Amino acid sequence: MKAKFTVILRVEEGLVVAMSPELDIASQGATPDEALANLKEAVGLFLETASPAEIEGRLSAESWITQFETEYAPA
């Protein structure tokens, strides 16, 4: 069985963090490629071991990624 997931990559504290918002699973690595490979492994392990109800509970029919702008006073 195959599935496609969204990945968000960002640098945090010197490491690249890869997160799948659909499953709420994250991993990290020294490079984007390493972080993505680690995330793929983590997602694979989750999908192999989680119950169908757990997987269905994390997945939704639609997901949106957007941005917004706000003003704030620096601390």
N, C-alpha and C. Protein backbone atom coordinates (compact mmCIF):
# COMPACT_ATOMS: atom_id res chain seq x y z
N MET A 1 0.84 -1.17 0.00
CA MET A 1 0.00 0.00 0.00
C MET A 1 0.89 1.24 0.00
N LYS A 2 0.49 2.27 -0.73
CA LYS A 2 1.24 3.52 -0.78
C LYS A 2 0.38 4.68 -0.30
N ALA A 3 1.04 5.66 0.28
CA ALA A 3 0.37 6.89 0.70
C ALA A 3 1.33 8.04 0.51
N LYS A 4 0.80 9.22 0.28
CA LYS A 4 1.61 10.42 0.10
C LYS A 4 1.33 11.38 1.26
N PHE A 5 2.39 11.93 1.82
CA PHE A 5 2.26 12.84 2.96
C PHE A 5 3.01 14.14 2.71
N THR A 6 2.55 15.19 3.34
CA THR A 6 3.21 16.49 3.30
C THR A 6 4.37 16.49 4.28
N VAL A 7 5.45 17.18 3.93
CA VAL A 7 6.59 17.32 4.84
C VAL A 7 6.95 18.79 4.96
N ILE A 8 7.13 19.24 6.17
CA ILE A 8 7.61 20.59 6.45
C ILE A 8 9.02 20.44 7.01
N LEU A 9 9.98 21.12 6.39
CA LEU A 9 11.37 21.09 6.84
C LEU A 9 11.74 22.47 7.38
N ARG A 10 12.42 22.50 8.52
CA ARG A 10 12.89 23.77 9.06
C ARG A 10 14.12 23.51 9.94
N VAL A 11 14.94 24.51 10.09
CA VAL A 11 16.14 24.38 10.92
C VAL A 11 15.79 24.84 12.33
N GLU A 12 16.10 24.01 13.30
CA GLU A 12 15.90 24.33 14.71
C GLU A 12 17.13 23.91 15.48
N GLU A 13 17.74 24.86 16.15
CA GLU A 13 18.91 24.61 16.99
C GLU A 13 20.00 23.83 16.24
N GLY A 14 20.24 24.21 14.99
CA GLY A 14 21.32 23.60 14.22
C GLY A 14 20.99 22.28 13.56
N LEU A 15 19.80 21.76 13.73
CA LEU A 15 19.38 20.52 13.09
C LEU A 15 18.21 20.79 12.16
N VAL A 16 18.05 19.96 11.17
CA VAL A 16 16.90 20.07 10.28
C VAL A 16 15.80 19.17 10.83
N VAL A 17 14.64 19.75 11.06
CA VAL A 17 13.49 19.01 11.56
C VAL A 17 12.53 18.79 10.40
N ALA A 18 12.08 17.56 10.26
CA ALA A 18 11.10 17.20 9.22
C ALA A 18 9.83 16.76 9.93
N MET A 19 8.69 17.35 9.55
CA MET A 19 7.44 17.02 10.20
C MET A 19 6.36 16.71 9.18
N SER A 20 5.59 15.68 9.45
CA SER A 20 4.43 15.34 8.65
C SER A 20 3.19 15.83 9.40
N PRO A 21 2.57 16.92 8.95
CA PRO A 21 1.42 17.44 9.69
C PRO A 21 0.21 16.50 9.68
N GLU A 22 0.06 15.70 8.63
CA GLU A 22 -1.09 14.79 8.58
C GLU A 22 -1.05 13.76 9.71
N LEU A 23 0.14 13.29 10.04
CA LEU A 23 0.27 12.25 11.07
C LEU A 23 0.78 12.79 12.39
N ASP A 24 1.20 14.04 12.43
CA ASP A 24 1.79 14.66 13.61
C ASP A 24 3.00 13.85 14.08
N ILE A 25 3.88 13.53 13.12
CA ILE A 25 5.11 12.79 13.40
C ILE A 25 6.26 13.64 12.90
N ALA A 26 7.35 13.71 13.69
CA ALA A 26 8.52 14.49 13.31
C ALA A 26 9.78 13.69 13.55
N SER A 27 10.83 14.09 12.85
CA SER A 27 12.15 13.52 13.04
C SER A 27 13.15 14.60 12.70
N GLN A 28 14.43 14.31 12.84
CA GLN A 28 15.45 15.31 12.58
C GLN A 28 16.69 14.68 11.99
N GLY A 29 17.56 15.53 11.47
CA GLY A 29 18.82 15.08 10.90
C GLY A 29 19.75 16.25 10.71
N ALA A 30 20.99 15.96 10.35
CA ALA A 30 21.97 17.01 10.14
C ALA A 30 21.74 17.76 8.83
N THR A 31 21.11 17.11 7.87
CA THR A 31 20.83 17.71 6.56
C THR A 31 19.36 17.49 6.22
N PRO A 32 18.84 18.22 5.24
CA PRO A 32 17.45 17.97 4.82
C PRO A 32 17.24 16.53 4.35
N ASP A 33 18.18 15.98 3.61
CA ASP A 33 18.03 14.59 3.13
C ASP A 33 18.00 13.60 4.29
N GLU A 34 18.87 13.82 5.27
CA GLU A 34 18.90 12.92 6.44
C GLU A 34 17.61 13.04 7.26
N ALA A 35 17.13 14.27 7.45
CA ALA A 35 15.89 14.48 8.20
C ALA A 35 14.73 13.82 7.49
N LEU A 36 14.67 13.94 6.16
CA LEU A 36 13.59 13.33 5.40
C LEU A 36 13.67 11.81 5.47
N ALA A 37 14.86 11.25 5.36
CA ALA A 37 15.02 9.79 5.46
C ALA A 37 14.60 9.30 6.84
N ASN A 38 14.96 10.04 7.88
CA ASN A 38 14.57 9.65 9.24
C ASN A 38 13.06 9.75 9.43
N LEU A 39 12.44 10.77 8.83
CA LEU A 39 10.99 10.90 8.92
C LEU A 39 10.30 9.75 8.20
N LYS A 40 10.79 9.41 7.01
CA LYS A 40 10.21 8.29 6.27
C LYS A 40 10.26 7.01 7.10
N GLU A 41 11.38 6.79 7.78
CA GLU A 41 11.51 5.61 8.62
C GLU A 41 10.51 5.66 9.78
N ALA A 42 10.39 6.82 10.43
CA ALA A 42 9.47 6.96 11.56
C ALA A 42 8.02 6.76 11.12
N VAL A 43 7.65 7.33 9.99
CA VAL A 43 6.29 7.16 9.48
C VAL A 43 6.04 5.70 9.12
N GLY A 44 7.01 5.07 8.47
CA GLY A 44 6.87 3.65 8.13
C GLY A 44 6.65 2.78 9.35
N LEU A 45 7.44 3.03 10.40
CA LEU A 45 7.28 2.25 11.63
C LEU A 45 5.91 2.49 12.27
N PHE A 46 5.47 3.76 12.25
CA PHE A 46 4.14 4.06 12.79
C PHE A 46 3.06 3.32 12.03
N LEU A 47 3.12 3.39 10.69
CA LEU A 47 2.08 2.75 9.87
C LEU A 47 2.09 1.23 10.02
N GLU A 48 3.25 0.65 10.28
CA GLU A 48 3.34 -0.81 10.46
C GLU A 48 2.80 -1.27 11.81
N THR A 49 2.87 -0.39 12.82
CA THR A 49 2.53 -0.83 14.18
C THR A 49 1.22 -0.25 14.72
N ALA A 50 0.75 0.85 14.17
CA ALA A 50 -0.47 1.48 14.68
C ALA A 50 -1.71 0.72 14.21
N SER A 51 -2.73 0.79 15.02
CA SER A 51 -4.00 0.17 14.64
C SER A 51 -4.65 1.00 13.53
N PRO A 52 -5.51 0.38 12.74
CA PRO A 52 -6.23 1.15 11.72
C PRO A 52 -6.98 2.34 12.31
N ALA A 53 -7.53 2.19 13.51
CA ALA A 53 -8.26 3.29 14.14
C ALA A 53 -7.32 4.45 14.48
N GLU A 54 -6.11 4.14 14.93
CA GLU A 54 -5.12 5.18 15.25
C GLU A 54 -4.71 5.93 14.00
N ILE A 55 -4.46 5.20 12.93
CA ILE A 55 -4.08 5.83 11.66
C ILE A 55 -5.21 6.71 11.15
N GLU A 56 -6.41 6.18 11.13
CA GLU A 56 -7.57 6.93 10.65
C GLU A 56 -7.82 8.17 11.49
N GLY A 57 -7.58 8.05 12.81
CA GLY A 57 -7.78 9.19 13.71
C GLY A 57 -6.83 10.33 13.44
N ARG A 58 -5.64 10.02 12.95
CA ARG A 58 -4.66 11.07 12.66
C ARG A 58 -4.84 11.68 11.27
N LEU A 59 -5.40 10.92 10.37
CA LEU A 59 -5.58 11.41 9.00
C LEU A 59 -6.91 12.13 8.87
N SER A 60 -6.93 13.16 8.09
CA SER A 60 -8.19 13.83 7.79
C SER A 60 -8.34 13.89 6.28
N ALA A 61 -9.52 14.15 5.82
CA ALA A 61 -9.78 14.20 4.39
C ALA A 61 -9.04 15.35 3.72
N GLU A 62 -8.88 16.47 4.43
CA GLU A 62 -8.24 17.63 3.85
C GLU A 62 -7.30 18.27 4.86
N SER A 63 -6.22 18.82 4.36
CA SER A 63 -5.29 19.58 5.18
C SER A 63 -4.93 20.86 4.43
N TRP A 64 -4.70 21.92 5.16
CA TRP A 64 -4.29 23.17 4.56
C TRP A 64 -3.03 23.65 5.26
N ILE A 65 -2.13 24.18 4.49
CA ILE A 65 -0.96 24.85 5.04
C ILE A 65 -1.04 26.28 4.54
N THR A 66 -0.98 27.23 5.44
CA THR A 66 -1.11 28.63 5.08
C THR A 66 -0.21 29.45 5.99
N GLN A 67 -0.17 30.73 5.77
CA GLN A 67 0.58 31.65 6.61
C GLN A 67 -0.31 32.83 6.97
N PHE A 68 0.06 33.51 8.03
CA PHE A 68 -0.61 34.76 8.37
C PHE A 68 0.43 35.73 8.89
N GLU A 69 0.09 36.99 8.90
CA GLU A 69 0.99 38.03 9.36
C GLU A 69 0.37 38.71 10.56
N THR A 70 1.20 39.04 11.54
CA THR A 70 0.73 39.73 12.71
C THR A 70 1.80 40.70 13.21
N GLU A 71 1.41 41.66 13.98
CA GLU A 71 2.37 42.59 14.58
C GLU A 71 2.56 42.21 16.03
N TYR A 72 3.78 42.44 16.50
CA TYR A 72 4.07 42.17 17.91
C TYR A 72 5.18 43.09 18.38
N ALA A 73 5.24 43.28 19.67
CA ALA A 73 6.30 44.11 20.27
C ALA A 73 7.40 43.18 20.75
N PRO A 74 8.63 43.44 20.35
CA PRO A 74 9.75 42.60 20.81
C PRO A 74 9.90 42.68 22.32
N ALA A 75 10.32 41.57 22.91
CA ALA A 75 10.50 41.51 24.36
C ALA A 75 11.70 42.30 24.82
